[in-house]
Amino acid sequence: MPWIRACSVAELDDGDALQLNTTPPIAVFNVEGEFFALNDTCTHGQSSLADGYVDGDQIECAWHFAKFDIRTGAVLTPPATIPLCTYKVRVEGSDVMVEMPDRD
């Protein structure tokens, strides 16, 4: 599976997120210096989670306030009921890299 550069380590402060313009869109988060990548679209309301509210290792959707675990993609509160897909992340030098799924 191919890896893509998401950003530099310095571009994403602790508690921040950014959206990758991929298909599907992916959100990359910095949680206390660790980087995580999830599907960017809330499974309840089709809202960008990169635009949501980060609280520690949780992301809250800005539309209907569903919460997800940034580390695992698990649903933490309704109205969402479907977890988010997660993606492998690694740091290469000063770059944050995300593994993209194979396209069949």
PDB file of N, CA and C in Angstrom:
ATOM      1  N   MET A   1       0.841  -1.179   0.000  1.00  0.00           N
ATOM      2  CA  MET A   1       0.000   0.000   0.000  1.00  0.00           C
ATOM      3  C   MET A   1       0.886   1.241   0.000  1.00  0.00           C
ATOM      4  N   PRO A   2       0.492   2.243  -0.770  1.00  0.00           N
ATOM      5  CA  PRO A   2       1.329   3.449  -0.850  1.00  0.00           C
ATOM      6  C   PRO A   2       1.185   4.327   0.392  1.00  0.00           C
ATOM      7  N   TRP A   3       2.255   5.026   0.704  1.00  0.00           N
ATOM      8  CA  TRP A   3       2.257   6.007   1.795  1.00  0.00           C
ATOM      9  C   TRP A   3       2.285   7.390   1.167  1.00  0.00           C
ATOM     10  N   ILE A   4       1.513   8.332   1.746  1.00  0.00           N
ATOM     11  CA  ILE A   4       1.537   9.706   1.256  1.00  0.00           C
ATOM     12  C   ILE A   4       1.966  10.629   2.401  1.00  0.00           C
ATOM     13  N   ARG A   5       2.589  11.746   2.028  1.00  0.00           N
ATOM     14  CA  ARG A   5       2.974  12.751   3.016  1.00  0.00           C
ATOM     15  C   ARG A   5       1.753  13.575   3.383  1.00  0.00           C
ATOM     16  N   ALA A   6       1.447  13.635   4.670  1.00  0.00           N
ATOM     17  CA  ALA A   6       0.309  14.426   5.153  1.00  0.00           C
ATOM     18  C   ALA A   6       0.731  15.855   5.462  1.00  0.00           C
ATOM     19  N   CYS A   7       1.859  15.996   6.158  1.00  0.00           N
ATOM     20  CA  CYS A   7       2.343  17.305   6.590  1.00  0.00           C
ATOM     21  C   CYS A   7       3.695  17.095   7.253  1.00  0.00           C
ATOM     22  N   SER A   8       4.302  18.177   7.695  1.00  0.00           N
ATOM     23  CA  SER A   8       5.497  18.046   8.521  1.00  0.00           C
ATOM     24  C   SER A   8       5.050  17.979   9.976  1.00  0.00           C
ATOM     25  N   VAL A   9       5.884  17.424  10.810  1.00  0.00           N
ATOM     26  CA  VAL A   9       5.594  17.337  12.248  1.00  0.00           C
ATOM     27  C   VAL A   9       5.314  18.731  12.799  1.00  0.00           C
ATOM     28  N   ALA A  10       6.070  19.723  12.362  1.00  0.00           N
ATOM     29  CA  ALA A  10       5.935  21.086  12.879  1.00  0.00           C
ATOM     30  C   ALA A  10       4.638  21.769  12.445  1.00  0.00           C
ATOM     31  N   GLU A  11       4.004  21.284  11.391  1.00  0.00           N
ATOM     32  CA  GLU A  11       2.777  21.911  10.884  1.00  0.00           C
ATOM     33  C   GLU A  11       1.545  21.598  11.712  1.00  0.00           C
ATOM     34  N   LEU A  12       1.595  20.560  12.537  1.00  0.00           N
ATOM     35  CA  LEU A  12       0.399  20.108  13.248  1.00  0.00           C
ATOM     36  C   LEU A  12       0.675  20.108  14.748  1.00  0.00           C
ATOM     37  N   ASP A  13       0.204  21.154  15.423  1.00  0.00           N
ATOM     38  CA  ASP A  13       0.403  21.283  16.869  1.00  0.00           C
ATOM     39  C   ASP A  13      -0.454  20.279  17.628  1.00  0.00           C
ATOM     40  N   ASP A  14      -0.088  20.038  18.879  1.00  0.00           N
ATOM     41  CA  ASP A  14      -0.857  19.156  19.751  1.00  0.00           C
ATOM     42  C   ASP A  14      -2.308  19.638  19.810  1.00  0.00           C
ATOM     43  N   GLY A  15      -3.250  18.718  19.593  1.00  0.00           N
ATOM     44  CA  GLY A  15      -4.663  19.054  19.631  1.00  0.00           C
ATOM     45  C   GLY A  15      -5.222  19.565  18.320  1.00  0.00           C
ATOM     46  N   ASP A  16      -4.384  19.641  17.297  1.00  0.00           N
ATOM     47  CA  ASP A  16      -4.836  20.127  15.992  1.00  0.00           C
ATOM     48  C   ASP A  16      -5.124  18.968  15.042  1.00  0.00           C
ATOM     49  N   ALA A  17      -5.856  19.278  13.983  1.00  0.00           N
ATOM     50  CA  ALA A  17      -6.187  18.307  12.941  1.00  0.00           C
ATOM     51  C   ALA A  17      -6.102  18.978  11.584  1.00  0.00           C
ATOM     52  N   LEU A  18      -5.896  18.169  10.568  1.00  0.00           N
ATOM     53  CA  LEU A  18      -5.952  18.669   9.194  1.00  0.00           C
ATOM     54  C   LEU A  18      -6.614  17.626   8.328  1.00  0.00           C
ATOM     55  N   GLN A  19      -7.218  18.099   7.241  1.00  0.00           N
ATOM     56  CA  GLN A  19      -7.875  17.199   6.304  1.00  0.00           C
ATOM     57  C   GLN A  19      -6.986  16.982   5.095  1.00  0.00           C
ATOM     58  N   LEU A  20      -6.850  15.721   4.699  1.00  0.00           N
ATOM     59  CA  LEU A  20      -6.156  15.384   3.459  1.00  0.00           C
ATOM     60  C   LEU A  20      -7.193  15.287   2.358  1.00  0.00           C
ATOM     61  N   ASN A  21      -6.878  15.871   1.223  1.00  0.00           N
ATOM     62  CA  ASN A  21      -7.786  15.840   0.082  1.00  0.00           C
ATOM     63  C   ASN A  21      -7.585  14.532  -0.670  1.00  0.00           C
ATOM     64  N   THR A  22      -8.073  13.461  -0.060  1.00  0.00           N
ATOM     65  CA  THR A  22      -7.948  12.121  -0.619  1.00  0.00           C
ATOM     66  C   THR A  22      -9.358  11.566  -0.815  1.00  0.00           C
ATOM     67  N   THR A  23      -9.444  10.383  -1.392  1.00  0.00           N
ATOM     68  CA  THR A  23     -10.726   9.700  -1.528  1.00  0.00           C
ATOM     69  C   THR A  23     -10.625   8.364  -0.815  1.00  0.00           C
ATOM     70  N   PRO A  24     -11.293   8.201   0.311  1.00  0.00           N
ATOM     71  CA  PRO A  24     -12.113   9.163   1.023  1.00  0.00           C
ATOM     72  C   PRO A  24     -11.232  10.197   1.720  1.00  0.00           C
ATOM     73  N   PRO A  25     -11.810  11.351   2.137  1.00  0.00           N
ATOM     74  CA  PRO A  25     -11.031  12.332   2.888  1.00  0.00           C
ATOM     75  C   PRO A  25     -10.541  11.720   4.206  1.00  0.00           C
ATOM     76  N   ILE A  26      -9.325  12.068   4.585  1.00  0.00           N
ATOM     77  CA  ILE A  26      -8.714  11.558   5.815  1.00  0.00           C
ATOM     78  C   ILE A  26      -8.360  12.740   6.704  1.00  0.00           C
ATOM     79  N   ALA A  27      -8.614  12.592   7.998  1.00  0.00           N
ATOM     80  CA  ALA A  27      -8.222  13.595   8.984  1.00  0.00           C
ATOM     81  C   ALA A  27      -7.003  13.076   9.736  1.00  0.00           C
ATOM     82  N   VAL A  28      -6.003  13.930   9.894  1.00  0.00           N
ATOM     83  CA  VAL A  28      -4.794  13.599  10.647  1.00  0.00           C
ATOM     84  C   VAL A  28      -4.794  14.443  11.907  1.00  0.00           C
ATOM     85  N   PHE A  29      -4.531  13.801  13.049  1.00  0.00           N
ATOM     86  CA  PHE A  29      -4.575  14.450  14.354  1.00  0.00           C
ATOM     87  C   PHE A  29      -3.240  14.305  15.065  1.00  0.00           C
ATOM     88  N   ASN A  30      -2.890  15.322  15.858  1.00  0.00           N
ATOM     89  CA  ASN A  30      -1.741  15.261  16.755  1.00  0.00           C
ATOM     90  C   ASN A  30      -2.295  15.187  18.176  1.00  0.00           C
ATOM     91  N   VAL A  31      -2.028  14.070  18.855  1.00  0.00           N
ATOM     92  CA  VAL A  31      -2.459  13.882  20.237  1.00  0.00           C
ATOM     93  C   VAL A  31      -1.203  13.698  21.079  1.00  0.00           C
ATOM     94  N   GLU A  32      -0.808  14.762  21.761  1.00  0.00           N
ATOM     95  CA  GLU A  32       0.370  14.746  22.633  1.00  0.00           C
ATOM     96  C   GLU A  32       1.607  14.214  21.917  1.00  0.00           C
ATOM     97  N   GLY A  33       1.805  14.683  20.676  1.00  0.00           N
ATOM     98  CA  GLY A  33       2.988  14.317  19.914  1.00  0.00           C
ATOM     99  C   GLY A  33       2.878  13.023  19.139  1.00  0.00           C
ATOM    100  N   GLU A  34       1.758  12.309  19.263  1.00  0.00           N
ATOM    101  CA  GLU A  34       1.500  11.115  18.459  1.00  0.00           C
ATOM    102  C   GLU A  34       0.521  11.494  17.358  1.00  0.00           C
ATOM    103  N   PHE A  35       0.698  10.904  16.191  1.00  0.00           N
ATOM    104  CA  PHE A  35      -0.132  11.235  15.048  1.00  0.00           C
ATOM    105  C   PHE A  35      -1.048  10.064  14.707  1.00  0.00           C
ATOM    106  N   PHE A  36      -2.298  10.404  14.375  1.00  0.00           N
ATOM    107  CA  PHE A  36      -3.317   9.414  14.063  1.00  0.00           C
ATOM    108  C   PHE A  36      -4.079   9.873  12.831  1.00  0.00           C
ATOM    109  N   ALA A  37      -4.590   8.912  12.063  1.00  0.00           N
ATOM    110  CA  ALA A  37      -5.365   9.231  10.863  1.00  0.00           C
ATOM    111  C   ALA A  37      -6.654   8.411  10.859  1.00  0.00           C
ATOM    112  N   LEU A  38      -7.758   9.100  10.573  1.00  0.00           N
ATOM    113  CA  LEU A  38      -9.095   8.499  10.537  1.00  0.00           C
ATOM    114  C   LEU A  38      -9.824   8.990   9.305  1.00  0.00           C
ATOM    115  N   ASN A  39     -10.887   8.277   8.922  1.00  0.00           N
ATOM    116  CA  ASN A  39     -11.783   8.861   7.928  1.00  0.00           C
ATOM    117  C   ASN A  39     -12.209  10.217   8.453  1.00  0.00           C
ATOM    118  N   ASP A  40     -12.223  11.215   7.599  1.00  0.00           N
ATOM    119  CA  ASP A  40     -12.549  12.578   8.017  1.00  0.00           C
ATOM    120  C   ASP A  40     -14.050  12.817   8.147  1.00  0.00           C
ATOM    121  N   THR A  41     -14.857  11.962   7.582  1.00  0.00           N
ATOM    122  CA  THR A  41     -16.290  12.204   7.533  1.00  0.00           C
ATOM    123  C   THR A  41     -16.998  11.490   8.678  1.00  0.00           C
ATOM    124  N   CYS A  42     -17.746  12.255   9.465  1.00  0.00           N
ATOM    125  CA  CYS A  42     -18.526  11.685  10.559  1.00  0.00           C
ATOM    126  C   CYS A  42     -19.476  10.629   9.997  1.00  0.00           C
ATOM    127  N   THR A  43     -19.568   9.495  10.662  1.00  0.00           N
ATOM    128  CA  THR A  43     -20.425   8.411  10.179  1.00  0.00           C
ATOM    129  C   THR A  43     -21.898   8.682  10.439  1.00  0.00           C
ATOM    130  N   HIS A  44     -22.214   9.748  11.142  1.00  0.00           N
ATOM    131  CA  HIS A  44     -23.615  10.094  11.380  1.00  0.00           C
ATOM    132  C   HIS A  44     -24.107  11.184  10.437  1.00  0.00           C
ATOM    133  N   GLY A  45     -23.376  12.297  10.362  1.00  0.00           N
ATOM    134  CA  GLY A  45     -23.921  13.445   9.652  1.00  0.00           C
ATOM    135  C   GLY A  45     -23.131  13.956   8.480  1.00  0.00           C
ATOM    136  N   GLN A  46     -22.129  13.211   8.008  1.00  0.00           N
ATOM    137  CA  GLN A  46     -21.358  13.618   6.831  1.00  0.00           C
ATOM    138  C   GLN A  46     -20.621  14.940   7.002  1.00  0.00           C
ATOM    139  N   SER A  47     -20.192  15.244   8.217  1.00  0.00           N
ATOM    140  CA  SER A  47     -19.452  16.470   8.513  1.00  0.00           C
ATOM    141  C   SER A  47     -17.959  16.160   8.610  1.00  0.00           C
ATOM    142  N   SER A  48     -17.124  17.131   8.264  1.00  0.00           N
ATOM    143  CA  SER A  48     -15.671  16.966   8.376  1.00  0.00           C
ATOM    144  C   SER A  48     -15.249  16.965   9.843  1.00  0.00           C
ATOM    145  N   LEU A  49     -14.582  15.902  10.259  1.00  0.00           N
ATOM    146  CA  LEU A  49     -14.113  15.830  11.641  1.00  0.00           C
ATOM    147  C   LEU A  49     -12.879  16.698  11.872  1.00  0.00           C
ATOM    148  N   ALA A  50     -12.138  17.003  10.824  1.00  0.00           N
ATOM    149  CA  ALA A  50     -11.001  17.918  10.973  1.00  0.00           C
ATOM    150  C   ALA A  50     -11.484  19.294  11.410  1.00  0.00           C
ATOM    151  N   ASP A  51     -12.761  19.590  11.159  1.00  0.00           N
ATOM    152  CA  ASP A  51     -13.366  20.847  11.588  1.00  0.00           C
ATOM    153  C   ASP A  51     -14.050  20.722  12.947  1.00  0.00           C
ATOM    154  N   GLY A  52     -13.941  19.562  13.577  1.00  0.00           N
ATOM    155  CA  GLY A  52     -14.592  19.319  14.862  1.00  0.00           C
ATOM    156  C   GLY A  52     -13.778  19.845  16.029  1.00  0.00           C
ATOM    157  N   TYR A  53     -14.132  19.385  17.221  1.00  0.00           N
ATOM    158  CA  TYR A  53     -13.516  19.857  18.460  1.00  0.00           C
ATOM    159  C   TYR A  53     -12.687  18.734  19.073  1.00  0.00           C
ATOM    160  N   VAL A  54     -11.382  18.948  19.178  1.00  0.00           N
ATOM    161  CA  VAL A  54     -10.489  17.958  19.771  1.00  0.00           C
ATOM    162  C   VAL A  54     -10.396  18.216  21.264  1.00  0.00           C
ATOM    163  N   ASP A  55     -10.582  17.142  22.040  1.00  0.00           N
ATOM    164  CA  ASP A  55     -10.436  17.191  23.493  1.00  0.00           C
ATOM    165  C   ASP A  55      -9.620  15.968  23.899  1.00  0.00           C
ATOM    166  N   GLY A  56      -8.321  16.169  24.108  1.00  0.00           N
ATOM    167  CA  GLY A  56      -7.443  15.040  24.417  1.00  0.00           C
ATOM    168  C   GLY A  56      -7.376  14.098  23.237  1.00  0.00           C
ATOM    169  N   ASP A  57      -7.820  12.835  23.453  1.00  0.00           N
ATOM    170  CA  ASP A  57      -7.796  11.861  22.362  1.00  0.00           C
ATOM    171  C   ASP A  57      -9.198  11.599  21.801  1.00  0.00           C
ATOM    172  N   GLN A  58     -10.070  12.607  21.927  1.00  0.00           N
ATOM    173  CA  GLN A  58     -11.425  12.500  21.388  1.00  0.00           C
ATOM    174  C   GLN A  58     -11.679  13.626  20.387  1.00  0.00           C
ATOM    175  N   ILE A  59     -12.455  13.283  19.355  1.00  0.00           N
ATOM    176  CA  ILE A  59     -12.893  14.281  18.390  1.00  0.00           C
ATOM    177  C   ILE A  59     -14.414  14.335  18.445  1.00  0.00           C
ATOM    178  N   GLU A  60     -14.950  15.562  18.526  1.00  0.00           N
ATOM    179  CA  GLU A  60     -16.396  15.762  18.560  1.00  0.00           C
ATOM    180  C   GLU A  60     -16.826  16.417  17.260  1.00  0.00           C
ATOM    181  N   CYS A  61     -17.790  15.806  16.596  1.00  0.00           N
ATOM    182  CA  CYS A  61     -18.320  16.346  15.347  1.00  0.00           C
ATOM    183  C   CYS A  61     -18.987  17.692  15.609  1.00  0.00           C
ATOM    184  N   ALA A  62     -18.718  18.653  14.756  1.00  0.00           N
ATOM    185  CA  ALA A  62     -19.269  19.996  14.922  1.00  0.00           C
ATOM    186  C   ALA A  62     -20.758  20.068  14.602  1.00  0.00           C
ATOM    187  N   TRP A  63     -21.303  19.105  13.872  1.00  0.00           N
ATOM    188  CA  TRP A  63     -22.716  19.168  13.491  1.00  0.00           C
ATOM    189  C   TRP A  63     -23.647  18.647  14.570  1.00  0.00           C
ATOM    190  N   HIS A  64     -23.459  17.406  14.992  1.00  0.00           N
ATOM    191  CA  HIS A  64     -24.415  16.785  15.918  1.00  0.00           C
ATOM    192  C   HIS A  64     -23.754  16.274  17.192  1.00  0.00           C
ATOM    193  N   PHE A  65     -22.483  16.585  17.373  1.00  0.00           N
ATOM    194  CA  PHE A  65     -21.749  16.351  18.621  1.00  0.00           C
ATOM    195  C   PHE A  65     -21.463  14.882  18.940  1.00  0.00           C
ATOM    196  N   ALA A  66     -21.495  14.015  17.955  1.00  0.00           N
ATOM    197  CA  ALA A  66     -21.027  12.642  18.161  1.00  0.00           C
ATOM    198  C   ALA A  66     -19.541  12.697  18.479  1.00  0.00           C
ATOM    199  N   LYS A  67     -19.079  11.808  19.350  1.00  0.00           N
ATOM    200  CA  LYS A  67     -17.659  11.770  19.705  1.00  0.00           C
ATOM    201  C   LYS A  67     -17.053  10.434  19.302  1.00  0.00           C
ATOM    202  N   PHE A  68     -15.776  10.512  18.891  1.00  0.00           N
ATOM    203  CA  PHE A  68     -15.017   9.338  18.479  1.00  0.00           C
ATOM    204  C   PHE A  68     -13.663   9.339  19.177  1.00  0.00           C
ATOM    205  N   ASP A  69     -13.122   8.145  19.387  1.00  0.00           N
ATOM    206  CA  ASP A  69     -11.771   7.989  19.918  1.00  0.00           C
ATOM    207  C   ASP A  69     -10.790   8.182  18.763  1.00  0.00           C
ATOM    208  N   ILE A  70      -9.929   9.167  18.857  1.00  0.00           N
ATOM    209  CA  ILE A  70      -8.972   9.455  17.789  1.00  0.00           C
ATOM    210  C   ILE A  70      -7.990   8.299  17.604  1.00  0.00           C
ATOM    211  N   ARG A  71      -7.645   7.615  18.664  1.00  0.00           N
ATOM    212  CA  ARG A  71      -6.668   6.525  18.588  1.00  0.00           C
ATOM    213  C   ARG A  71      -7.211   5.275  17.895  1.00  0.00           C
ATOM    214  N   THR A  72      -8.526   5.001  18.058  1.00  0.00           N
ATOM    215  CA  THR A  72      -9.095   3.747  17.560  1.00  0.00           C
ATOM    216  C   THR A  72     -10.217   3.909  16.548  1.00  0.00           C
ATOM    217  N   GLY A  73     -10.810   5.097  16.468  1.00  0.00           N
ATOM    218  CA  GLY A  73     -11.963   5.319  15.610  1.00  0.00           C
ATOM    219  C   GLY A  73     -13.281   4.895  16.236  1.00  0.00           C
ATOM    220  N   ALA A  74     -13.246   4.374  17.470  1.00  0.00           N
ATOM    221  CA  ALA A  74     -14.451   3.886  18.124  1.00  0.00           C
ATOM    222  C   ALA A  74     -15.435   5.021  18.408  1.00  0.00           C
ATOM    223  N   VAL A  75     -16.723   4.709  18.305  1.00  0.00           N
ATOM    224  CA  VAL A  75     -17.776   5.661  18.663  1.00  0.00           C
ATOM    225  C   VAL A  75     -17.821   5.760  20.187  1.00  0.00           C
ATOM    226  N   LEU A  76     -17.842   6.993  20.705  1.00  0.00           N
ATOM    227  CA  LEU A  76     -17.922   7.213  22.145  1.00  0.00           C
ATOM    228  C   LEU A  76     -19.286   7.713  22.590  1.00  0.00           C
ATOM    229  N   THR A  77     -19.979   8.465  21.725  1.00  0.00           N
ATOM    230  CA  THR A  77     -21.310   8.976  22.071  1.00  0.00           C
ATOM    231  C   THR A  77     -22.202   9.011  20.834  1.00  0.00           C
ATOM    232  N   PRO A  78     -23.519   8.868  21.041  1.00  0.00           N
ATOM    233  CA  PRO A  78     -24.460   9.040  19.934  1.00  0.00           C
ATOM    234  C   PRO A  78     -24.497  10.505  19.512  1.00  0.00           C
ATOM    235  N   PRO A  79     -25.028  10.817  18.374  1.00  0.00           N
ATOM    236  CA  PRO A  79     -25.880   9.963  17.571  1.00  0.00           C
ATOM    237  C   PRO A  79     -25.148   9.011  16.633  1.00  0.00           C
ATOM    238  N   ALA A  80     -23.826   9.065  16.523  1.00  0.00           N
ATOM    239  CA  ALA A  80     -23.096   8.121  15.672  1.00  0.00           C
ATOM    240  C   ALA A  80     -23.165   6.728  16.283  1.00  0.00           C
ATOM    241  N   THR A  81     -23.206   5.718  15.415  1.00  0.00           N
ATOM    242  CA  THR A  81     -23.200   4.326  15.863  1.00  0.00           C
ATOM    243  C   THR A  81     -22.156   3.499  15.120  1.00  0.00           C
ATOM    244  N   ILE A  82     -21.598   4.044  14.062  1.00  0.00           N
ATOM    245  CA  ILE A  82     -20.619   3.325  13.233  1.00  0.00           C
ATOM    246  C   ILE A  82     -19.240   3.908  13.478  1.00  0.00           C
ATOM    247  N   PRO A  83     -18.243   3.061  13.801  1.00  0.00           N
ATOM    248  CA  PRO A  83     -16.890   3.573  14.037  1.00  0.00           C
ATOM    249  C   PRO A  83     -16.245   4.084  12.752  1.00  0.00           C
ATOM    250  N   LEU A  84     -15.169   4.837  12.932  1.00  0.00           N
ATOM    251  CA  LEU A  84     -14.411   5.380  11.813  1.00  0.00           C
ATOM    252  C   LEU A  84     -13.292   4.435  11.407  1.00  0.00           C
ATOM    253  N   CYS A  85     -12.985   4.409  10.128  1.00  0.00           N
ATOM    254  CA  CYS A  85     -11.815   3.683   9.635  1.00  0.00           C
ATOM    255  C   CYS A  85     -10.561   4.396  10.108  1.00  0.00           C
ATOM    256  N   THR A  86      -9.552   3.631  10.461  1.00  0.00           N
ATOM    257  CA  THR A  86      -8.267   4.209  10.851  1.00  0.00           C
ATOM    258  C   THR A  86      -7.218   3.855   9.800  1.00  0.00           C
ATOM    259  N   TYR A  87      -6.151   4.636   9.775  1.00  0.00           N
ATOM    260  CA  TYR A  87      -5.065   4.427   8.829  1.00  0.00           C
ATOM    261  C   TYR A  87      -3.749   4.431   9.585  1.00  0.00           C
ATOM    262  N   LYS A  88      -2.802   3.650   9.111  1.00  0.00           N
ATOM    263  CA  LYS A  88      -1.477   3.630   9.726  1.00  0.00           C
ATOM    264  C   LYS A  88      -0.782   4.956   9.474  1.00  0.00           C
ATOM    265  N   VAL A  89      -0.047   5.408  10.492  1.00  0.00           N
ATOM    266  CA  VAL A  89       0.706   6.660  10.398  1.00  0.00           C
ATOM    267  C   VAL A  89       2.124   6.386  10.870  1.00  0.00           C
ATOM    268  N   ARG A  90       3.087   7.002  10.220  1.00  0.00           N
ATOM    269  CA  ARG A  90       4.477   6.934  10.674  1.00  0.00           C
ATOM    270  C   ARG A  90       5.138   8.273  10.429  1.00  0.00           C
ATOM    271  N   VAL A  91       6.175   8.536  11.194  1.00  0.00           N
ATOM    272  CA  VAL A  91       6.961   9.756  11.009  1.00  0.00           C
ATOM    273  C   VAL A  91       8.278   9.350  10.358  1.00  0.00           C
ATOM    274  N   GLU A  92       8.580   9.982   9.242  1.00  0.00           N
ATOM    275  CA  GLU A  92       9.843   9.763   8.528  1.00  0.00           C
ATOM    276  C   GLU A  92      10.594  11.082   8.545  1.00  0.00           C
ATOM    277  N   GLY A  93      11.647  11.154   9.350  1.00  0.00           N
ATOM    278  CA  GLY A  93      12.362  12.416   9.492  1.00  0.00           C
ATOM    279  C   GLY A  93      11.434  13.437  10.102  1.00  0.00           C
ATOM    280  N   SER A  94      11.095  14.483   9.353  1.00  0.00           N
ATOM    281  CA  SER A  94      10.168  15.502   9.850  1.00  0.00           C
ATOM    282  C   SER A  94       8.799  15.421   9.179  1.00  0.00           C
ATOM    283  N   ASP A  95       8.550  14.349   8.412  1.00  0.00           N
ATOM    284  CA  ASP A  95       7.298  14.198   7.682  1.00  0.00           C
ATOM    285  C   ASP A  95       6.365  13.203   8.347  1.00  0.00           C
ATOM    286  N   VAL A  96       5.075  13.559   8.396  1.00  0.00           N
ATOM    287  CA  VAL A  96       4.031  12.647   8.858  1.00  0.00           C
ATOM    288  C   VAL A  96       3.476  11.961   7.612  1.00  0.00           C
ATOM    289  N   MET A  97       3.542  10.632   7.603  1.00  0.00           N
ATOM    290  CA  MET A  97       3.128   9.839   6.455  1.00  0.00           C
ATOM    291  C   MET A  97       1.902   9.007   6.827  1.00  0.00           C
ATOM    292  N   VAL A  98       0.970   8.853   5.878  1.00  0.00           N
ATOM    293  CA  VAL A  98      -0.245   8.072   6.091  1.00  0.00           C
ATOM    294  C   VAL A  98      -0.289   6.986   5.013  1.00  0.00           C
ATOM    295  N   GLU A  99      -0.589   5.755   5.458  1.00  0.00           N
ATOM    296  CA  GLU A  99      -0.721   4.649   4.515  1.00  0.00           C
ATOM    297  C   GLU A  99      -2.113   4.681   3.889  1.00  0.00           C
ATOM    298  N   MET A 100      -2.148   4.707   2.576  1.00  0.00           N
ATOM    299  CA  MET A 100      -3.411   4.747   1.840  1.00  0.00           C
ATOM    300  C   MET A 100      -3.857   3.323   1.529  1.00  0.00           C
ATOM    301  N   PRO A 101      -5.169   3.084   1.545  1.00  0.00           N
ATOM    302  CA  PRO A 101      -5.661   1.750   1.202  1.00  0.00           C
ATOM    303  C   PRO A 101      -5.478   1.458  -0.283  1.00  0.00           C
ATOM    304  N   ASP A 102      -5.345   0.170  -0.607  1.00  0.00           N
ATOM    305  CA  ASP A 102      -5.290  -0.234  -2.015  1.00  0.00           C
ATOM    306  C   ASP A 102      -6.617   0.067  -2.673  1.00  0.00           C
ATOM    307  N   ARG A 103      -6.583   0.437  -3.904  1.00  0.00           N
ATOM    308  CA  ARG A 103      -7.794   0.686  -4.694  1.00  0.00           C
ATOM    309  C   ARG A 103      -7.939  -0.472  -5.692  1.00  0.00           C
ATOM    310  N   ASP A 104      -9.006  -1.199  -5.571  1.00  0.00           N
ATOM    311  CA  ASP A 104      -9.239  -2.305  -6.525  1.00  0.00           C
ATOM    312  C   ASP A 104     -10.218  -1.897  -7.589  1.00  0.00           C
TER     313      ASP A 104
END
